[in-house]
Amino acid sequence: MKGRQKWKMVVLMTVVLLSLTSAQVFAAVTPSVSQNPAPKIVGAVTFTDADGNVMTINASDVNIVADVDVTKLTAEEKAIYEKAKAEFTNSDSQYNKDLGDFVSKNYPGIAAENVVVREIFDINVGQDLLFDKGQKLELTLSGNYKQGDTVIVTVYNKDTGKWDFIESNDVTVNADGTLTVKFPHLCPVAILVAETPTTVPAKEGGSGSSMLLPILGVVVVVLAVVGFVVLNKKKSV
């Protein structure tokens, strides 16, 4: 009877530990996000069309709404914004799976779990712009970023229901702390920063810390099997 109880305990511990090791990494949202004012536009705003022609957009035509002011959005815009933001807190969301892949591919020396969401806001332009053939809107946002920071910018695509990660060569941290971004389309935007840029050395195909969890899971299973065999032997003696 005691052997059976011990086996039940081994099974329970195995289930709990495996659930922890299989948990998806997701970007934490810093508490200040809901209090941050909307970033301001610094300098010129330009739009590059499908033919490579560059036109200047009046900065006053660009509307940025901070997370704290989402009530200013229309009902439709607010629904899209809230749906997009919910992706951050759902560890099983496609966003968090894509985040791990993006970080592993572009920043192999950084652990995805150290990436945090620093800013979330909605952005739109008061004129019709097409983004169907590689067009991009370039603007510079105020901030206190530092050159050398790992900054990731994502923009929600309401047509696909997914967050798109902007290529790193379209995101520039400037010497004055501002951030210049070339947006492939507009909608809710999130700016993520790696808290500790040099956390772990990575092996090809993923970060060192992300490989640790599956290894721990295997160890747990092996220990559970060994425990089961030992208990059975004792019972049969």
Protein backbone atom coordinates (compact mmCIF):
# COMPACT_ATOMS: atom_id res chain seq x y z
CA MET A 1 0.00 0.00 0.00
CA LYS A 2 2.85 2.34 0.89
CA GLY A 3 4.53 1.54 -2.42
CA ARG A 4 1.37 2.52 -4.27
CA GLN A 5 1.17 5.82 -2.40
CA LYS A 6 4.80 6.55 -3.22
CA TRP A 7 4.16 5.79 -6.87
CA LYS A 8 1.20 8.14 -6.91
CA MET A 9 3.44 10.85 -5.47
CA VAL A 10 6.05 10.21 -8.20
CA VAL A 11 3.37 10.47 -10.88
CA LEU A 12 2.01 13.71 -9.40
CA MET A 13 5.46 15.30 -9.21
CA THR A 14 6.20 14.24 -12.78
CA VAL A 15 3.01 15.82 -14.11
CA VAL A 16 3.64 19.07 -12.24
CA LEU A 17 7.28 19.37 -13.32
CA LEU A 18 6.54 18.48 -16.93
CA SER A 19 3.81 21.12 -17.05
CA LEU A 20 6.33 23.68 -15.84
CA THR A 21 9.06 22.66 -18.29
CA SER A 22 6.65 22.64 -21.23
CA ALA A 23 5.31 26.12 -20.53
CA GLN A 24 5.70 28.56 -23.41
CA VAL A 25 7.98 31.56 -22.94
CA PHE A 26 6.11 34.81 -23.29
CA ALA A 27 7.03 38.47 -23.12
CA ALA A 28 6.11 40.07 -19.83
CA VAL A 29 4.29 43.40 -19.98
CA THR A 30 5.94 45.98 -17.74
CA PRO A 31 3.49 47.65 -15.30
CA SER A 32 4.38 51.10 -16.63
CA VAL A 33 2.85 50.25 -20.03
CA SER A 34 -0.62 51.24 -18.89
CA GLN A 35 0.67 54.60 -17.62
CA ASN A 36 3.10 55.57 -20.37
CA PRO A 37 2.12 58.58 -22.45
CA ALA A 38 2.08 58.14 -26.21
CA PRO A 39 5.49 58.65 -27.81
CA LYS A 40 5.88 61.85 -29.76
CA ILE A 41 6.92 62.10 -33.39
CA VAL A 42 10.36 63.61 -33.86
CA GLY A 43 11.33 65.15 -37.18
CA ALA A 44 9.92 64.27 -40.59
CA VAL A 45 7.51 61.49 -41.48
CA THR A 46 8.00 59.87 -44.88
CA PHE A 47 6.14 57.28 -46.93
CA THR A 48 7.86 55.18 -49.58
CA ASP A 49 5.52 53.87 -52.25
CA ALA A 50 5.75 50.66 -54.27
CA ASP A 51 7.95 52.36 -56.89
CA GLY A 52 10.41 53.68 -54.32
CA ASN A 53 9.15 57.24 -54.46
CA VAL A 54 9.37 59.06 -51.13
CA MET A 55 6.73 61.53 -50.02
CA THR A 56 6.57 63.60 -46.87
CA ILE A 57 3.60 63.15 -44.53
CA ASN A 58 2.46 65.94 -42.26
CA ALA A 59 3.28 64.84 -38.71
CA SER A 60 -0.02 66.26 -37.52
CA ASP A 61 -1.79 63.67 -39.67
CA VAL A 62 -0.26 60.85 -37.64
CA ASN A 63 -2.31 59.95 -34.58
CA ILE A 64 -0.72 57.93 -31.76
CA VAL A 65 -2.95 56.76 -28.91
CA ALA A 66 -1.33 55.49 -25.72
CA ASP A 67 -2.50 52.37 -23.88
CA VAL A 68 -3.90 54.55 -21.12
CA ASP A 69 -6.06 56.43 -23.65
CA VAL A 70 -7.59 53.52 -25.60
CA THR A 71 -11.06 54.79 -24.75
CA LYS A 72 -10.41 57.49 -27.36
CA LEU A 73 -10.41 54.87 -30.11
CA THR A 74 -13.53 54.00 -32.03
CA ALA A 75 -15.40 50.86 -30.96
CA GLU A 76 -13.89 48.92 -33.88
CA GLU A 77 -10.35 50.18 -33.23
CA LYS A 78 -10.67 49.43 -29.51
CA ALA A 79 -11.83 45.87 -30.18
CA ILE A 80 -8.83 45.25 -32.45
CA TYR A 81 -6.47 46.82 -29.92
CA GLU A 82 -7.73 44.73 -27.00
CA LYS A 83 -7.60 41.54 -29.06
CA ALA A 84 -4.02 42.32 -30.05
CA LYS A 85 -2.93 43.13 -26.49
CA ALA A 86 -4.46 39.92 -25.13
CA GLU A 87 -1.91 37.96 -27.17
CA PHE A 88 0.85 39.07 -24.78
CA THR A 89 -0.67 37.46 -21.70
CA ASN A 90 -1.60 34.17 -23.35
CA SER A 91 1.41 31.84 -23.20
CA ASP A 92 -0.17 29.59 -25.86
CA SER A 93 -0.79 32.40 -28.35
CA GLN A 94 0.76 32.37 -31.80
CA TYR A 95 2.46 35.65 -30.91
CA ASN A 96 4.53 34.12 -28.14
CA LYS A 97 5.53 31.18 -30.32
CA ASP A 98 6.61 33.60 -33.04
CA LEU A 99 8.50 35.71 -30.51
CA GLY A 100 10.66 32.76 -29.50
CA ASP A 101 11.42 31.99 -33.15
CA PHE A 102 12.21 35.62 -33.97
CA VAL A 103 14.55 36.09 -31.02
CA SER A 104 16.31 32.78 -31.66
CA LYS A 105 16.86 33.66 -35.32
CA ASN A 106 17.83 37.33 -34.99
CA TYR A 107 19.33 37.55 -31.48
CA PRO A 108 20.77 34.09 -30.70
CA GLY A 109 22.63 35.31 -27.62
CA ILE A 110 19.45 36.49 -25.89
CA ALA A 111 16.98 34.44 -23.88
CA ALA A 112 13.43 35.08 -25.09
CA GLU A 113 12.11 35.10 -21.52
CA ASN A 114 14.17 38.23 -20.85
CA VAL A 115 12.30 40.23 -23.50
CA VAL A 116 9.68 42.56 -22.03
CA VAL A 117 6.98 44.74 -23.57
CA ARG A 118 7.88 48.33 -22.76
CA GLU A 119 5.33 50.23 -24.85
CA ILE A 120 1.99 49.50 -26.49
CA PHE A 121 0.07 52.08 -28.49
CA ASP A 122 -2.17 52.49 -31.50
CA ILE A 123 -1.07 54.45 -34.55
CA ASN A 124 -2.91 55.56 -37.65
CA VAL A 125 -2.60 58.19 -40.37
CA GLY A 126 -5.35 60.57 -41.35
CA GLN A 127 -5.02 59.78 -45.03
CA ASP A 128 -5.32 56.64 -47.14
CA LEU A 129 -2.02 54.85 -47.58
CA LEU A 130 -1.59 51.51 -49.32
CA PHE A 131 0.67 48.87 -47.79
CA ASP A 132 0.06 46.05 -50.25
CA LYS A 133 3.33 46.08 -52.23
CA GLY A 134 6.10 46.66 -49.72
CA GLN A 135 5.32 50.31 -49.00
CA LYS A 136 6.68 51.66 -45.71
CA LEU A 137 5.96 54.56 -43.41
CA GLU A 138 9.08 55.85 -41.67
CA LEU A 139 8.92 57.93 -38.53
CA THR A 140 11.00 58.63 -35.47
CA LEU A 141 9.50 58.18 -32.01
CA SER A 142 10.60 59.86 -28.81
CA GLY A 143 12.10 57.63 -26.12
CA ASN A 144 14.99 56.95 -23.80
CA TYR A 145 16.52 54.00 -25.58
CA LYS A 146 20.26 53.47 -25.67
CA GLN A 147 22.39 52.48 -28.62
CA GLY A 148 23.25 48.85 -28.09
CA ASP A 149 19.82 48.07 -26.65
CA THR A 150 18.06 45.14 -28.24
CA VAL A 151 14.79 46.71 -29.36
CA ILE A 152 12.11 44.68 -31.15
CA VAL A 153 9.12 46.39 -32.77
CA THR A 154 5.97 44.48 -33.63
CA VAL A 155 2.83 45.68 -35.37
CA TYR A 156 -0.51 43.91 -35.29
CA ASN A 157 -2.01 42.82 -38.60
CA LYS A 158 -5.80 42.96 -38.29
CA ASP A 159 -6.20 41.07 -41.57
CA THR A 160 -4.27 38.01 -40.40
CA GLY A 161 -4.91 38.39 -36.68
CA LYS A 162 -1.17 38.09 -36.00
CA TRP A 163 1.61 40.32 -34.71
CA ASP A 164 4.23 40.98 -37.40
CA PHE A 165 7.83 41.42 -36.31
CA ILE A 166 9.54 44.29 -38.09
CA GLU A 167 12.93 43.33 -39.50
CA SER A 168 15.82 44.51 -37.35
CA ASN A 169 17.32 46.57 -40.21
CA ASP A 170 14.12 48.64 -40.23
CA VAL A 171 14.53 49.57 -36.55
CA THR A 172 17.23 52.05 -35.52
CA VAL A 173 18.09 53.26 -32.02
CA ASN A 174 19.44 56.78 -32.37
CA ALA A 175 22.11 58.50 -30.28
CA ASP A 176 19.54 60.86 -28.74
CA GLY A 177 17.43 57.96 -27.41
CA THR A 178 14.77 58.15 -30.12
CA LEU A 179 13.67 55.21 -32.24
CA THR A 180 13.32 55.30 -36.03
CA VAL A 181 11.05 52.64 -37.47
CA LYS A 182 9.92 51.73 -40.98
CA PHE A 183 6.39 50.38 -40.60
CA PRO A 184 5.10 47.89 -43.21
CA HIS A 185 1.52 48.69 -42.14
CA LEU A 186 -0.27 50.39 -39.28
CA CYS A 187 -2.36 49.21 -36.35
CA PRO A 188 -1.50 48.55 -32.68
CA VAL A 189 2.24 48.68 -32.10
CA ALA A 190 4.36 47.15 -29.34
CA ILE A 191 7.98 47.90 -28.52
CA LEU A 192 9.91 45.17 -26.76
CA VAL A 193 13.30 45.38 -25.10
CA ALA A 194 15.67 42.66 -23.87
CA GLU A 195 16.31 43.33 -20.19
CA THR A 196 19.61 41.44 -20.20
CA PRO A 197 21.12 41.40 -23.71
CA THR A 198 23.94 38.98 -22.91
CA THR A 199 22.22 36.40 -20.76
CA VAL A 200 23.26 33.07 -22.26
CA PRO A 201 25.41 31.83 -25.13
CA ALA A 202 23.27 30.15 -27.74
CA LYS A 203 23.77 27.09 -29.83
CA GLU A 204 22.69 27.04 -33.42
CA GLY A 205 18.92 26.80 -33.65
CA GLY A 206 18.01 28.37 -30.29
CA SER A 207 19.14 30.02 -27.09
CA GLY A 208 20.89 28.08 -24.34
CA SER A 209 18.17 28.80 -21.77
CA SER A 210 15.38 27.72 -24.08
CA MET A 211 17.14 24.36 -24.54
CA LEU A 212 17.37 23.82 -20.77
CA LEU A 213 13.67 23.27 -20.20
CA PRO A 214 13.25 20.28 -22.54
CA ILE A 215 16.37 18.71 -21.01
CA LEU A 216 14.93 19.08 -17.51
CA GLY A 217 11.72 17.50 -18.74
CA VAL A 218 13.58 14.43 -19.98
CA VAL A 219 15.46 14.15 -16.68
CA VAL A 220 12.19 14.26 -14.75
CA VAL A 221 10.69 11.47 -16.85
CA VAL A 222 13.78 9.29 -16.42
CA LEU A 223 13.76 9.79 -12.66
CA ALA A 224 10.07 8.92 -12.52
CA VAL A 225 10.65 5.68 -14.43
CA VAL A 226 13.60 4.75 -12.20
CA GLY A 227 11.49 5.43 -9.13
CA PHE A 228 8.71 3.23 -10.46
CA VAL A 229 11.12 0.32 -11.09
CA VAL A 230 12.69 0.62 -7.63
CA LEU A 231 9.31 0.68 -5.91
CA ASN A 232 8.13 -2.37 -7.86
CA LYS A 233 11.27 -4.31 -6.91
CA LYS A 234 10.81 -3.49 -3.25
CA LYS A 235 7.20 -4.57 -3.44
CA SER A 236 8.07 -7.91 -5.01
CA VAL A 237 10.76 -8.73 -2.42
